[in-house]
Amino acid sequence: MTTYTAQDYKSDQYVRWCPGCGDHAILSVLHKAMAELGIAPHDTAVISGIGCSSRLPYYMNTYGFHTIHGRSAAIATGFKTANPKMTVWQISGDGDGLAIGGNHFIHAVRRNVNINMLLLNNKIYGLTKGQYSPTSDRGFVSKSSPYGTTEDPFIPAELAFGARGQFFARSIDIELKISQEVMVAAAKHQGASVVEILQNCMIFNNGIHNYISDREWRADRTIHLRHGEKMLFGKNNEKGLVQDGFGLKAVTVGENGYTIDDVLTHDAHVKSNFLHQQLAMMDGYELPLALGVIRDVEAPVYDLDVEKQVAEVKAKKGFANLRQMILAGDTWEVK
């Protein structure tokens, strides 16, 4: 069995992102995640749309496809369906993936196509020089909203769950271990995997995630969820999430009568997405932002079912190829 290293997945191309861009860390982690998975570079494809994040296929020693704006999910779906044995990674930014590409995003998730969708969210259009994006907060001032936006943003988790997503995870560009953990889990999941990575744009939206990523308060404003473990957070894991009616509440263990037994245990595999949605919608203010694998549930996989259906029809009809299928039955010749 061949053992691969991160270097085996790196191309010889100069990485053309701004110094300090969060994409550098994400690229490095993806190389390491691929090495951990051990899937050969020639059995891997990386497909992107348009935007800063969509440069990523150039920096991979795999098959790659830099497609057109918003269409990476559609092309990744076609590629995976035609090549079900390949491992497919789809890279999108919040603008590319959720604006012009929003329709393709929700249907790839709904169909449960076996692709690994990395959504790099910096809440801005970076490549086109600083317009607000579908994830920019209400009131956000940008080149295309000089007086502040007058609309509410998409929350990627909410969109994924609304499209019946079976796998959702989240990380931050500076959380390298968590990012690698969720990428590996996404690749092992059978079906559409959505991984949101909160990423910093040094030029047009620097510090947009500081309220949860800054070392001073990161431990209190984020929670790293692990399947089968208590939902604890804080610098000393002194805080936890408990059930509060139909909602969640953050408490300090040992205060106001709360014990470790009251703290919820994370179950990423339960079929009901009720609690998963609540966890994914926490925003880092009243409740900590959830990082790690939030939902990971088995369900029928689109490309595997298509492959099985094609084989069954071939066996039943006797078709060996497309030409035989077209010429079967009644035909006529035009002279």
C-alpha atoms as a PDB file:
ATOM      1  CA  MET A   1       0.000   0.000   0.000  1.00  0.00           C
ATOM      2  CA  THR A   2       1.380   3.384  -1.025  1.00  0.00           C
ATOM      3  CA  THR A   3       1.820   5.959   1.726  1.00  0.00           C
ATOM      4  CA  TYR A   4       1.319   9.580   0.704  1.00  0.00           C
ATOM      5  CA  THR A   5       2.540  12.793   2.280  1.00  0.00           C
ATOM      6  CA  ALA A   6       1.159  16.308   2.011  1.00  0.00           C
ATOM      7  CA  GLN A   7       3.890  17.082  -0.522  1.00  0.00           C
ATOM      8  CA  ASP A   8       2.429  14.513  -2.928  1.00  0.00           C
ATOM      9  CA  TYR A   9      -0.692  16.668  -3.307  1.00  0.00           C
ATOM     10  CA  LYS A  10       1.128  19.963  -3.915  1.00  0.00           C
ATOM     11  CA  SER A  11       1.584  21.286  -7.432  1.00  0.00           C
ATOM     12  CA  ASP A  12       4.620  23.253  -8.600  1.00  0.00           C
ATOM     13  CA  GLN A  13       2.595  26.453  -9.072  1.00  0.00           C
ATOM     14  CA  TYR A  14       3.366  29.639  -7.163  1.00  0.00           C
ATOM     15  CA  VAL A  15       0.507  30.308  -4.732  1.00  0.00           C
ATOM     16  CA  ARG A  16      -1.034  33.627  -5.730  1.00  0.00           C
ATOM     17  CA  TRP A  17      -2.996  34.749  -2.704  1.00  0.00           C
ATOM     18  CA  CYS A  18      -2.374  37.878  -0.686  1.00  0.00           C
ATOM     19  CA  PRO A  19       0.080  37.492   2.211  1.00  0.00           C
ATOM     20  CA  GLY A  20      -1.899  36.642   5.329  1.00  0.00           C
ATOM     21  CA  CYS A  21      -4.963  35.382   3.437  1.00  0.00           C
ATOM     22  CA  GLY A  22      -6.731  32.550   5.264  1.00  0.00           C
ATOM     23  CA  ASP A  23      -6.733  30.526   2.043  1.00  0.00           C
ATOM     24  CA  HIS A  24      -3.042  29.683   2.605  1.00  0.00           C
ATOM     25  CA  ALA A  25      -3.864  27.814   5.813  1.00  0.00           C
ATOM     26  CA  ILE A  26      -6.856  26.058   4.249  1.00  0.00           C
ATOM     27  CA  LEU A  27      -4.756  24.865   1.307  1.00  0.00           C
ATOM     28  CA  SER A  28      -2.056  23.516   3.623  1.00  0.00           C
ATOM     29  CA  VAL A  29      -4.625  21.695   5.748  1.00  0.00           C
ATOM     30  CA  LEU A  30      -6.285  20.197   2.662  1.00  0.00           C
ATOM     31  CA  HIS A  31      -2.939  18.749   1.544  1.00  0.00           C
ATOM     32  CA  LYS A  32      -2.497  17.200   4.994  1.00  0.00           C
ATOM     33  CA  ALA A  33      -6.078  15.883   5.088  1.00  0.00           C
ATOM     34  CA  MET A  34      -5.608  14.207   1.711  1.00  0.00           C
ATOM     35  CA  ALA A  35      -2.397  12.589   2.939  1.00  0.00           C
ATOM     36  CA  GLU A  36      -4.194  11.318   6.040  1.00  0.00           C
ATOM     37  CA  LEU A  37      -6.947   9.840   3.882  1.00  0.00           C
ATOM     38  CA  GLY A  38      -4.357   8.159   1.668  1.00  0.00           C
ATOM     39  CA  ILE A  39      -6.369   8.435  -1.554  1.00  0.00           C
ATOM     40  CA  ALA A  40      -4.035   8.658  -4.531  1.00  0.00           C
ATOM     41  CA  PRO A  41      -3.723  12.039  -6.285  1.00  0.00           C
ATOM     42  CA  HIS A  42      -4.797  10.430  -9.568  1.00  0.00           C
ATOM     43  CA  ASP A  43      -7.999   9.251  -7.860  1.00  0.00           C
ATOM     44  CA  THR A  44      -8.814  12.779  -6.680  1.00  0.00           C
ATOM     45  CA  ALA A  45     -10.361  15.793  -8.405  1.00  0.00           C
ATOM     46  CA  VAL A  46     -10.643  19.364  -7.121  1.00  0.00           C
ATOM     47  CA  ILE A  47     -13.291  21.536  -8.808  1.00  0.00           C
ATOM     48  CA  SER A  48     -13.894  25.235  -8.223  1.00  0.00           C
ATOM     49  CA  GLY A  49     -15.868  28.170  -9.546  1.00  0.00           C
ATOM     50  CA  ILE A  50     -14.670  31.786  -9.670  1.00  0.00           C
ATOM     51  CA  GLY A  51     -13.177  33.846  -6.865  1.00  0.00           C
ATOM     52  CA  CYS A  52     -10.062  33.972  -4.723  1.00  0.00           C
ATOM     53  CA  SER A  53     -10.768  30.555  -3.193  1.00  0.00           C
ATOM     54  CA  SER A  54     -11.353  29.100  -6.638  1.00  0.00           C
ATOM     55  CA  ARG A  55      -7.656  29.405  -7.497  1.00  0.00           C
ATOM     56  CA  LEU A  56      -7.115  26.379  -5.280  1.00  0.00           C
ATOM     57  CA  PRO A  57      -7.119  23.643  -8.002  1.00  0.00           C
ATOM     58  CA  TYR A  58      -3.957  25.176  -9.490  1.00  0.00           C
ATOM     59  CA  TYR A  59      -2.110  24.342  -6.285  1.00  0.00           C
ATOM     60  CA  MET A  60      -3.138  20.678  -6.207  1.00  0.00           C
ATOM     61  CA  ASN A  61      -1.259  17.766  -7.763  1.00  0.00           C
ATOM     62  CA  THR A  62      -4.591  16.115  -8.592  1.00  0.00           C
ATOM     63  CA  TYR A  63      -7.086  16.372 -11.386  1.00  0.00           C
ATOM     64  CA  GLY A  64      -8.547  19.851 -11.280  1.00  0.00           C
ATOM     65  CA  PHE A  65     -11.124  22.019 -13.000  1.00  0.00           C
ATOM     66  CA  HIS A  66     -11.381  25.799 -12.616  1.00  0.00           C
ATOM     67  CA  THR A  67     -14.921  26.288 -13.894  1.00  0.00           C
ATOM     68  CA  ILE A  68     -17.232  29.283 -14.261  1.00  0.00           C
ATOM     69  CA  HIS A  69     -18.906  31.501 -11.711  1.00  0.00           C
ATOM     70  CA  GLY A  70     -21.282  29.605  -9.426  1.00  0.00           C
ATOM     71  CA  ARG A  71     -21.244  26.375 -11.415  1.00  0.00           C
ATOM     72  CA  SER A  72     -18.717  24.300  -9.494  1.00  0.00           C
ATOM     73  CA  ALA A  73     -21.380  22.253  -7.665  1.00  0.00           C
ATOM     74  CA  ALA A  74     -23.142  21.427 -10.952  1.00  0.00           C
ATOM     75  CA  ILE A  75     -19.912  20.383 -12.651  1.00  0.00           C
ATOM     76  CA  ALA A  76     -18.748  18.448  -9.592  1.00  0.00           C
ATOM     77  CA  THR A  77     -22.093  16.617  -9.624  1.00  0.00           C
ATOM     78  CA  GLY A  78     -21.660  15.650 -13.270  1.00  0.00           C
ATOM     79  CA  PHE A  79     -18.054  14.627 -12.767  1.00  0.00           C
ATOM     80  CA  LYS A  80     -18.832  12.461  -9.743  1.00  0.00           C
ATOM     81  CA  THR A  81     -21.827  10.820 -11.387  1.00  0.00           C
ATOM     82  CA  ALA A  82     -19.733   9.940 -14.447  1.00  0.00           C
ATOM     83  CA  ASN A  83     -16.727   8.891 -12.343  1.00  0.00           C
ATOM     84  CA  PRO A  84     -18.179   7.424  -9.119  1.00  0.00           C
ATOM     85  CA  LYS A  85     -14.844   5.923  -8.034  1.00  0.00           C
ATOM     86  CA  MET A  86     -13.139   9.328  -7.904  1.00  0.00           C
ATOM     87  CA  THR A  87     -12.949  11.431  -4.726  1.00  0.00           C
ATOM     88  CA  VAL A  88     -14.266  14.903  -5.557  1.00  0.00           C
ATOM     89  CA  TRP A  89     -13.633  18.125  -3.644  1.00  0.00           C
ATOM     90  CA  GLN A  90     -15.613  21.231  -4.569  1.00  0.00           C
ATOM     91  CA  ILE A  91     -14.217  24.596  -3.508  1.00  0.00           C
ATOM     92  CA  SER A  92     -16.409  27.730  -3.334  1.00  0.00           C
ATOM     93  CA  GLY A  93     -16.431  31.115  -1.670  1.00  0.00           C
ATOM     94  CA  ASP A  94     -19.524  32.572  -0.051  1.00  0.00           C
ATOM     95  CA  GLY A  95     -20.192  34.734  -3.126  1.00  0.00           C
ATOM     96  CA  ASP A  96     -19.469  32.108  -5.770  1.00  0.00           C
ATOM     97  CA  GLY A  97     -21.224  29.328  -3.844  1.00  0.00           C
ATOM     98  CA  LEU A  98     -24.285  31.044  -2.392  1.00  0.00           C
ATOM     99  CA  ALA A  99     -25.153  33.867  -4.818  1.00  0.00           C
ATOM    100  CA  ILE A 100     -25.013  32.854  -8.472  1.00  0.00           C
ATOM    101  CA  GLY A 101     -24.220  29.313  -7.318  1.00  0.00           C
ATOM    102  CA  GLY A 102     -26.880  29.085  -4.630  1.00  0.00           C
ATOM    103  CA  ASN A 103     -29.303  27.040  -6.727  1.00  0.00           C
ATOM    104  CA  HIS A 104     -26.619  24.477  -7.573  1.00  0.00           C
ATOM    105  CA  PHE A 105     -25.507  24.378  -3.938  1.00  0.00           C
ATOM    106  CA  ILE A 106     -28.912  23.486  -2.510  1.00  0.00           C
ATOM    107  CA  HIS A 107     -29.627  20.849  -5.158  1.00  0.00           C
ATOM    108  CA  ALA A 108     -26.244  19.143  -4.750  1.00  0.00           C
ATOM    109  CA  VAL A 109     -27.005  18.966  -1.021  1.00  0.00           C
ATOM    110  CA  ARG A 110     -30.615  17.847  -1.579  1.00  0.00           C
ATOM    111  CA  ARG A 111     -29.578  15.109  -4.010  1.00  0.00           C
ATOM    112  CA  ASN A 112     -26.879  13.991  -1.560  1.00  0.00           C
ATOM    113  CA  VAL A 113     -24.195  13.792  -4.234  1.00  0.00           C
ATOM    114  CA  ASN A 114     -21.030  12.250  -2.828  1.00  0.00           C
ATOM    115  CA  ILE A 115     -18.828  15.352  -3.080  1.00  0.00           C
ATOM    116  CA  ASN A 116     -16.915  17.233  -0.394  1.00  0.00           C
ATOM    117  CA  MET A 117     -18.019  20.869  -0.511  1.00  0.00           C
ATOM    118  CA  LEU A 118     -15.654  23.356   1.133  1.00  0.00           C
ATOM    119  CA  LEU A 119     -17.354  26.727   1.568  1.00  0.00           C
ATOM    120  CA  LEU A 120     -14.808  29.419   2.390  1.00  0.00           C
ATOM    121  CA  ASN A 121     -16.733  32.220   4.077  1.00  0.00           C
ATOM    122  CA  ASN A 122     -15.110  35.655   4.443  1.00  0.00           C
ATOM    123  CA  LYS A 123     -18.387  37.585   4.087  1.00  0.00           C
ATOM    124  CA  ILE A 124     -17.087  39.637   1.147  1.00  0.00           C
ATOM    125  CA  TYR A 125     -16.366  39.475  -2.585  1.00  0.00           C
ATOM    126  CA  GLY A 126     -12.569  39.613  -2.556  1.00  0.00           C
ATOM    127  CA  LEU A 127     -11.540  38.959  -6.157  1.00  0.00           C
ATOM    128  CA  THR A 128     -13.856  41.666  -7.505  1.00  0.00           C
ATOM    129  CA  LYS A 129     -12.542  44.113  -4.920  1.00  0.00           C
ATOM    130  CA  GLY A 130     -14.855  44.360  -1.951  1.00  0.00           C
ATOM    131  CA  GLN A 131     -18.580  44.167  -2.668  1.00  0.00           C
ATOM    132  CA  TYR A 132     -20.877  42.718  -0.007  1.00  0.00           C
ATOM    133  CA  SER A 133     -21.756  39.045  -0.357  1.00  0.00           C
ATOM    134  CA  PRO A 134     -24.766  36.838   0.521  1.00  0.00           C
ATOM    135  CA  THR A 135     -23.271  36.245   3.980  1.00  0.00           C
ATOM    136  CA  SER A 136     -22.450  39.888   4.805  1.00  0.00           C
ATOM    137  CA  ASP A 137     -24.241  41.118   7.907  1.00  0.00           C
ATOM    138  CA  ARG A 138     -27.104  43.622   7.760  1.00  0.00           C
ATOM    139  CA  GLY A 139     -25.717  47.156   7.791  1.00  0.00           C
ATOM    140  CA  PHE A 140     -22.338  46.070   6.390  1.00  0.00           C
ATOM    141  CA  VAL A 141     -20.537  48.931   4.607  1.00  0.00           C
ATOM    142  CA  SER A 142     -18.761  47.959   1.383  1.00  0.00           C
ATOM    143  CA  LYS A 143     -18.026  49.325  -2.079  1.00  0.00           C
ATOM    144  CA  SER A 144     -21.453  48.168  -3.257  1.00  0.00           C
ATOM    145  CA  SER A 145     -23.222  49.195  -0.017  1.00  0.00           C
ATOM    146  CA  PRO A 146     -21.596  52.515   1.007  1.00  0.00           C
ATOM    147  CA  TYR A 147     -24.440  53.296   3.421  1.00  0.00           C
ATOM    148  CA  GLY A 148     -24.788  49.762   4.752  1.00  0.00           C
ATOM    149  CA  THR A 149     -26.671  46.748   3.438  1.00  0.00           C
ATOM    150  CA  THR A 150     -30.436  46.671   3.900  1.00  0.00           C
ATOM    151  CA  GLU A 151     -30.825  42.908   3.787  1.00  0.00           C
ATOM    152  CA  ASP A 152     -30.228  39.929   6.030  1.00  0.00           C
ATOM    153  CA  PRO A 153     -27.582  37.347   5.113  1.00  0.00           C
ATOM    154  CA  PHE A 154     -27.722  33.659   4.372  1.00  0.00           C
ATOM    155  CA  ILE A 155     -26.481  31.495   7.202  1.00  0.00           C
ATOM    156  CA  PRO A 156     -24.765  28.599   5.373  1.00  0.00           C
ATOM    157  CA  ALA A 157     -25.738  26.060   8.040  1.00  0.00           C
ATOM    158  CA  GLU A 158     -29.389  27.064   7.836  1.00  0.00           C
ATOM    159  CA  LEU A 159     -29.292  26.788   4.048  1.00  0.00           C
ATOM    160  CA  ALA A 160     -27.666  23.356   4.173  1.00  0.00           C
ATOM    161  CA  PHE A 161     -30.189  22.019   6.683  1.00  0.00           C
ATOM    162  CA  GLY A 162     -33.050  23.527   4.697  1.00  0.00           C
ATOM    163  CA  ALA A 163     -31.808  21.543   1.701  1.00  0.00           C
ATOM    164  CA  ARG A 164     -31.938  18.336   3.790  1.00  0.00           C
ATOM    165  CA  GLY A 165     -28.188  18.199   4.319  1.00  0.00           C
ATOM    166  CA  GLN A 166     -26.874  15.074   6.038  1.00  0.00           C
ATOM    167  CA  PHE A 167     -23.362  16.351   6.805  1.00  0.00           C
ATOM    168  CA  PHE A 168     -22.411  19.773   8.080  1.00  0.00           C
ATOM    169  CA  ALA A 169     -19.212  20.832   9.798  1.00  0.00           C
ATOM    170  CA  ARG A 170     -17.512  24.120  10.556  1.00  0.00           C
ATOM    171  CA  SER A 171     -14.037  25.426  11.297  1.00  0.00           C
ATOM    172  CA  ILE A 172     -11.983  28.631  11.251  1.00  0.00           C
ATOM    173  CA  ASP A 173      -8.943  29.153   9.041  1.00  0.00           C
ATOM    174  CA  ILE A 174      -6.667  29.504  12.092  1.00  0.00           C
ATOM    175  CA  GLU A 175      -7.990  26.287  13.714  1.00  0.00           C
ATOM    176  CA  LEU A 176      -5.719  23.958  11.747  1.00  0.00           C
ATOM    177  CA  LYS A 177      -6.386  20.758  13.701  1.00  0.00           C
ATOM    178  CA  ILE A 178     -10.152  21.208  13.631  1.00  0.00           C
ATOM    179  CA  SER A 179     -10.042  22.048   9.915  1.00  0.00           C
ATOM    180  CA  GLN A 180      -8.126  18.857   9.149  1.00  0.00           C
ATOM    181  CA  GLU A 181     -10.444  16.841  11.390  1.00  0.00           C
ATOM    182  CA  VAL A 182     -13.595  18.017   9.603  1.00  0.00           C
ATOM    183  CA  MET A 183     -12.096  17.646   6.115  1.00  0.00           C
ATOM    184  CA  VAL A 184     -11.170  14.030   6.822  1.00  0.00           C
ATOM    185  CA  ALA A 185     -14.627  13.354   8.271  1.00  0.00           C
ATOM    186  CA  ALA A 186     -16.247  14.983   5.232  1.00  0.00           C
ATOM    187  CA  ALA A 187     -14.310  12.755   2.842  1.00  0.00           C
ATOM    188  CA  LYS A 188     -15.212   9.617   4.790  1.00  0.00           C
ATOM    189  CA  HIS A 189     -18.906  10.521   4.780  1.00  0.00           C
ATOM    190  CA  GLN A 190     -20.926   8.951   1.961  1.00  0.00           C
ATOM    191  CA  GLY A 191     -23.003  11.748   0.452  1.00  0.00           C
ATOM    192  CA  ALA A 192     -22.840  15.530   0.194  1.00  0.00           C
ATOM    193  CA  SER A 193     -20.532  16.981   2.840  1.00  0.00           C
ATOM    194  CA  VAL A 194     -20.692  20.712   3.548  1.00  0.00           C
ATOM    195  CA  VAL A 195     -17.758  22.189   5.453  1.00  0.00           C
ATOM    196  CA  GLU A 196     -17.961  25.901   6.207  1.00  0.00           C
ATOM    197  CA  ILE A 197     -14.583  27.444   6.979  1.00  0.00           C
ATOM    198  CA  LEU A 198     -14.635  30.983   8.343  1.00  0.00           C
ATOM    199  CA  GLN A 199     -11.814  32.653   6.458  1.00  0.00           C
ATOM    200  CA  ASN A 200     -10.182  36.064   6.779  1.00  0.00           C
ATOM    201  CA  CYS A 201      -9.711  38.473   3.859  1.00  0.00           C
ATOM    202  CA  MET A 202      -6.773  40.703   4.807  1.00  0.00           C
ATOM    203  CA  ILE A 203      -7.539  43.334   2.171  1.00  0.00           C
ATOM    204  CA  PHE A 204     -11.282  43.934   2.085  1.00  0.00           C
ATOM    205  CA  ASN A 205     -12.695  42.438   5.301  1.00  0.00           C
ATOM    206  CA  ASN A 206      -9.825  42.043   7.735  1.00  0.00           C
ATOM    207  CA  GLY A 207     -10.871  40.882  11.201  1.00  0.00           C
ATOM    208  CA  ILE A 208     -14.482  40.040  10.322  1.00  0.00           C
ATOM    209  CA  HIS A 209     -14.297  36.868  12.454  1.00  0.00           C
ATOM    210  CA  ASN A 210     -12.223  38.324  15.297  1.00  0.00           C
ATOM    211  CA  TYR A 211     -15.173  38.291  17.680  1.00  0.00           C
ATOM    212  CA  ILE A 212     -14.863  34.518  17.827  1.00  0.00           C
ATOM    213  CA  SER A 213     -11.321  33.835  16.578  1.00  0.00           C
ATOM    214  CA  ASP A 214      -9.237  36.126  18.794  1.00  0.00           C
ATOM    215  CA  ARG A 215      -7.196  34.099  21.294  1.00  0.00           C
ATOM    216  CA  GLU A 216      -8.370  36.283  24.179  1.00  0.00           C
ATOM    217  CA  TRP A 217     -11.942  35.016  24.015  1.00  0.00           C
ATOM    218  CA  ARG A 218     -11.967  32.141  21.486  1.00  0.00           C
ATOM    219  CA  ALA A 219     -12.335  29.469  24.180  1.00  0.00           C
ATOM    220  CA  ASP A 220     -15.435  31.188  25.581  1.00  0.00           C
ATOM    221  CA  ARG A 221     -17.078  31.997  22.244  1.00  0.00           C
ATOM    222  CA  THR A 222     -16.545  28.723  20.391  1.00  0.00           C
ATOM    223  CA  ILE A 223     -17.241  25.089  21.218  1.00  0.00           C
ATOM    224  CA  HIS A 224     -15.501  22.135  19.576  1.00  0.00           C
ATOM    225  CA  LEU A 225     -18.130  19.424  19.151  1.00  0.00           C
ATOM    226  CA  ARG A 226     -17.020  15.801  19.098  1.00  0.00           C
ATOM    227  CA  HIS A 227     -19.386  12.878  18.636  1.00  0.00           C
ATOM    228  CA  GLY A 228     -19.980  11.022  21.907  1.00  0.00           C
ATOM    229  CA  GLU A 229     -18.418  13.717  24.087  1.00  0.00           C
ATOM    230  CA  LYS A 230     -19.916  16.248  26.472  1.00  0.00           C
ATOM    231  CA  MET A 231     -20.598  19.699  24.991  1.00  0.00           C
ATOM    232  CA  LEU A 232     -18.046  21.571  27.097  1.00  0.00           C
ATOM    233  CA  PHE A 233     -16.190  24.792  26.353  1.00  0.00           C
ATOM    234  CA  GLY A 234     -14.268  27.561  28.085  1.00  0.00           C
ATOM    235  CA  LYS A 235     -10.558  27.839  28.869  1.00  0.00           C
ATOM    236  CA  ASN A 236     -10.837  25.016  31.397  1.00  0.00           C
ATOM    237  CA  ASN A 237     -13.928  23.297  29.973  1.00  0.00           C
ATOM    238  CA  GLU A 238     -15.825  24.782  32.897  1.00  0.00           C
ATOM    239  CA  LYS A 239     -18.855  25.689  30.770  1.00  0.00           C
ATOM    240  CA  GLY A 240     -21.374  23.485  29.023  1.00  0.00           C
ATOM    241  CA  LEU A 241     -24.538  23.407  26.955  1.00  0.00           C
ATOM    242  CA  VAL A 242     -27.737  22.177  28.594  1.00  0.00           C
ATOM    243  CA  GLN A 243     -31.309  21.750  27.419  1.00  0.00           C
ATOM    244  CA  ASP A 244     -33.514  24.721  28.244  1.00  0.00           C
ATOM    245  CA  GLY A 245     -37.077  23.858  27.234  1.00  0.00           C
ATOM    246  CA  PHE A 246     -36.918  23.443  23.457  1.00  0.00           C
ATOM    247  CA  GLY A 247     -33.706  25.450  23.263  1.00  0.00           C
ATOM    248  CA  LEU A 248     -30.144  25.463  24.556  1.00  0.00           C
ATOM    249  CA  LYS A 249     -28.472  27.365  27.355  1.00  0.00           C
ATOM    250  CA  ALA A 250     -24.839  27.891  28.307  1.00  0.00           C
ATOM    251  CA  VAL A 251     -24.082  27.288  32.001  1.00  0.00           C
ATOM    252  CA  THR A 252     -21.077  27.025  34.293  1.00  0.00           C
ATOM    253  CA  VAL A 253     -20.703  23.524  35.668  1.00  0.00           C
ATOM    254  CA  GLY A 254     -20.939  23.564  39.449  1.00  0.00           C
ATOM    255  CA  GLU A 255     -22.935  26.781  39.644  1.00  0.00           C
ATOM    256  CA  ASN A 256     -26.696  27.234  40.140  1.00  0.00           C
ATOM    257  CA  GLY A 257     -27.158  23.511  40.646  1.00  0.00           C
ATOM    258  CA  TYR A 258     -25.807  22.421  37.259  1.00  0.00           C
ATOM    259  CA  THR A 259     -23.561  19.340  37.200  1.00  0.00           C
ATOM    260  CA  ILE A 260     -21.656  17.568  34.451  1.00  0.00           C
ATOM    261  CA  ASP A 261     -24.611  15.191  34.134  1.00  0.00           C
ATOM    262  CA  ASP A 262     -26.782  18.077  32.941  1.00  0.00           C
ATOM    263  CA  VAL A 263     -24.407  18.873  30.058  1.00  0.00           C
ATOM    264  CA  LEU A 264     -25.551  17.437  26.735  1.00  0.00           C
ATOM    265  CA  THR A 265     -23.563  14.744  24.910  1.00  0.00           C
ATOM    266  CA  HIS A 266     -23.055  15.384  21.203  1.00  0.00           C
ATOM    267  CA  ASP A 267     -24.628  12.819  18.851  1.00  0.00           C
ATOM    268  CA  ALA A 268     -23.704  13.705  15.276  1.00  0.00           C
ATOM    269  CA  HIS A 269     -25.370  10.568  13.925  1.00  0.00           C
ATOM    270  CA  VAL A 270     -28.937  10.929  15.216  1.00  0.00           C
ATOM    271  CA  LYS A 271     -31.320  11.180  12.255  1.00  0.00           C
ATOM    272  CA  SER A 272     -33.431  14.014  13.623  1.00  0.00           C
ATOM    273  CA  ASN A 273     -31.760  17.305  12.765  1.00  0.00           C
ATOM    274  CA  PHE A 274     -33.637  19.315  15.418  1.00  0.00           C
ATOM    275  CA  LEU A 275     -30.704  19.640  17.822  1.00  0.00           C
ATOM    276  CA  HIS A 276     -28.141  19.759  15.002  1.00  0.00           C
ATOM    277  CA  GLN A 277     -29.819  22.851  13.587  1.00  0.00           C
ATOM    278  CA  GLN A 278     -29.829  24.552  16.978  1.00  0.00           C
ATOM    279  CA  LEU A 279     -26.129  23.818  17.408  1.00  0.00           C
ATOM    280  CA  ALA A 280     -25.285  25.023  13.911  1.00  0.00           C
ATOM    281  CA  MET A 281     -27.207  28.281  14.373  1.00  0.00           C
ATOM    282  CA  MET A 282     -25.347  29.352  17.518  1.00  0.00           C
ATOM    283  CA  ASP A 283     -23.453  32.529  16.619  1.00  0.00           C
ATOM    284  CA  GLY A 284     -20.832  33.102  19.292  1.00  0.00           C
ATOM    285  CA  TYR A 285     -22.712  35.759  21.239  1.00  0.00           C
ATOM    286  CA  GLU A 286     -25.236  34.333  23.711  1.00  0.00           C
ATOM    287  CA  LEU A 287     -24.174  30.799  22.788  1.00  0.00           C
ATOM    288  CA  PRO A 288     -20.748  29.687  21.516  1.00  0.00           C
ATOM    289  CA  LEU A 289     -20.180  29.154  17.798  1.00  0.00           C
ATOM    290  CA  ALA A 290     -20.106  25.419  17.065  1.00  0.00           C
ATOM    291  CA  LEU A 291     -16.973  24.037  15.410  1.00  0.00           C
ATOM    292  CA  GLY A 292     -16.295  20.458  14.361  1.00  0.00           C
ATOM    293  CA  VAL A 293     -18.676  17.908  12.842  1.00  0.00           C
ATOM    294  CA  ILE A 294     -22.200  18.967  13.757  1.00  0.00           C
ATOM    295  CA  ARG A 295     -24.169  16.457  11.669  1.00  0.00           C
ATOM    296  CA  ASP A 296     -23.028  13.199  10.021  1.00  0.00           C
ATOM    297  CA  VAL A 297     -25.940  10.938   9.060  1.00  0.00           C
ATOM    298  CA  GLU A 298     -26.189   8.147   6.491  1.00  0.00           C
ATOM    299  CA  ALA A 299     -28.724   8.496   3.659  1.00  0.00           C
ATOM    300  CA  PRO A 300     -29.142   7.270   0.056  1.00  0.00           C
ATOM    301  CA  VAL A 301     -26.340   8.645  -2.152  1.00  0.00           C
ATOM    302  CA  TYR A 302     -27.244  10.088  -5.557  1.00  0.00           C
ATOM    303  CA  ASP A 303     -24.287   8.958  -7.654  1.00  0.00           C
ATOM    304  CA  LEU A 304     -24.241   5.450  -6.172  1.00  0.00           C
ATOM    305  CA  ASP A 305     -27.954   5.045  -6.896  1.00  0.00           C
ATOM    306  CA  VAL A 306     -27.481   6.324 -10.459  1.00  0.00           C
ATOM    307  CA  GLU A 307     -24.612   3.870 -10.991  1.00  0.00           C
ATOM    308  CA  LYS A 308     -26.756   1.014  -9.688  1.00  0.00           C
ATOM    309  CA  GLN A 309     -29.712   2.076 -11.840  1.00  0.00           C
ATOM    310  CA  VAL A 310     -27.575   2.245 -14.998  1.00  0.00           C
ATOM    311  CA  ALA A 311     -26.196  -1.244 -14.328  1.00  0.00           C
ATOM    312  CA  GLU A 312     -29.707  -2.640 -13.803  1.00  0.00           C
ATOM    313  CA  VAL A 313     -31.027  -1.080 -17.019  1.00  0.00           C
ATOM    314  CA  LYS A 314     -28.008  -2.305 -18.989  1.00  0.00           C
ATOM    315  CA  ALA A 315     -28.540  -5.835 -17.713  1.00  0.00           C
ATOM    316  CA  LYS A 316     -32.278  -5.740 -18.412  1.00  0.00           C
ATOM    317  CA  LYS A 317     -32.139  -4.097 -21.831  1.00  0.00           C
ATOM    318  CA  GLY A 318     -28.864  -5.571 -23.025  1.00  0.00           C
ATOM    319  CA  PHE A 319     -27.282  -2.198 -23.805  1.00  0.00           C
ATOM    320  CA  ALA A 320     -23.502  -2.098 -23.788  1.00  0.00           C
ATOM    321  CA  ASN A 321     -23.178   1.545 -24.773  1.00  0.00           C
ATOM    322  CA  LEU A 322     -25.131   4.702 -25.605  1.00  0.00           C
ATOM    323  CA  ARG A 323     -25.255   3.978 -29.348  1.00  0.00           C
ATOM    324  CA  GLN A 324     -26.934   0.638 -28.794  1.00  0.00           C
ATOM    325  CA  MET A 325     -29.524   2.295 -26.580  1.00  0.00           C
ATOM    326  CA  ILE A 326     -30.307   5.004 -29.151  1.00  0.00           C
ATOM    327  CA  LEU A 327     -30.666   2.477 -31.983  1.00  0.00           C
ATOM    328  CA  ALA A 328     -32.836   0.086 -30.001  1.00  0.00           C
ATOM    329  CA  GLY A 329     -36.532  -0.180 -30.876  1.00  0.00           C
ATOM    330  CA  ASP A 330     -38.094   1.616 -33.841  1.00  0.00           C
ATOM    331  CA  THR A 331     -35.664   3.590 -35.996  1.00  0.00           C
ATOM    332  CA  TRP A 332     -35.888   5.263 -39.382  1.00  0.00           C
ATOM    333  CA  GLU A 333     -33.457   6.680 -41.879  1.00  0.00           C
ATOM    334  CA  VAL A 334     -33.793  10.137 -43.447  1.00  0.00           C
ATOM    335  CA  LYS A 335     -32.435  10.353 -47.027  1.00  0.00           C
END
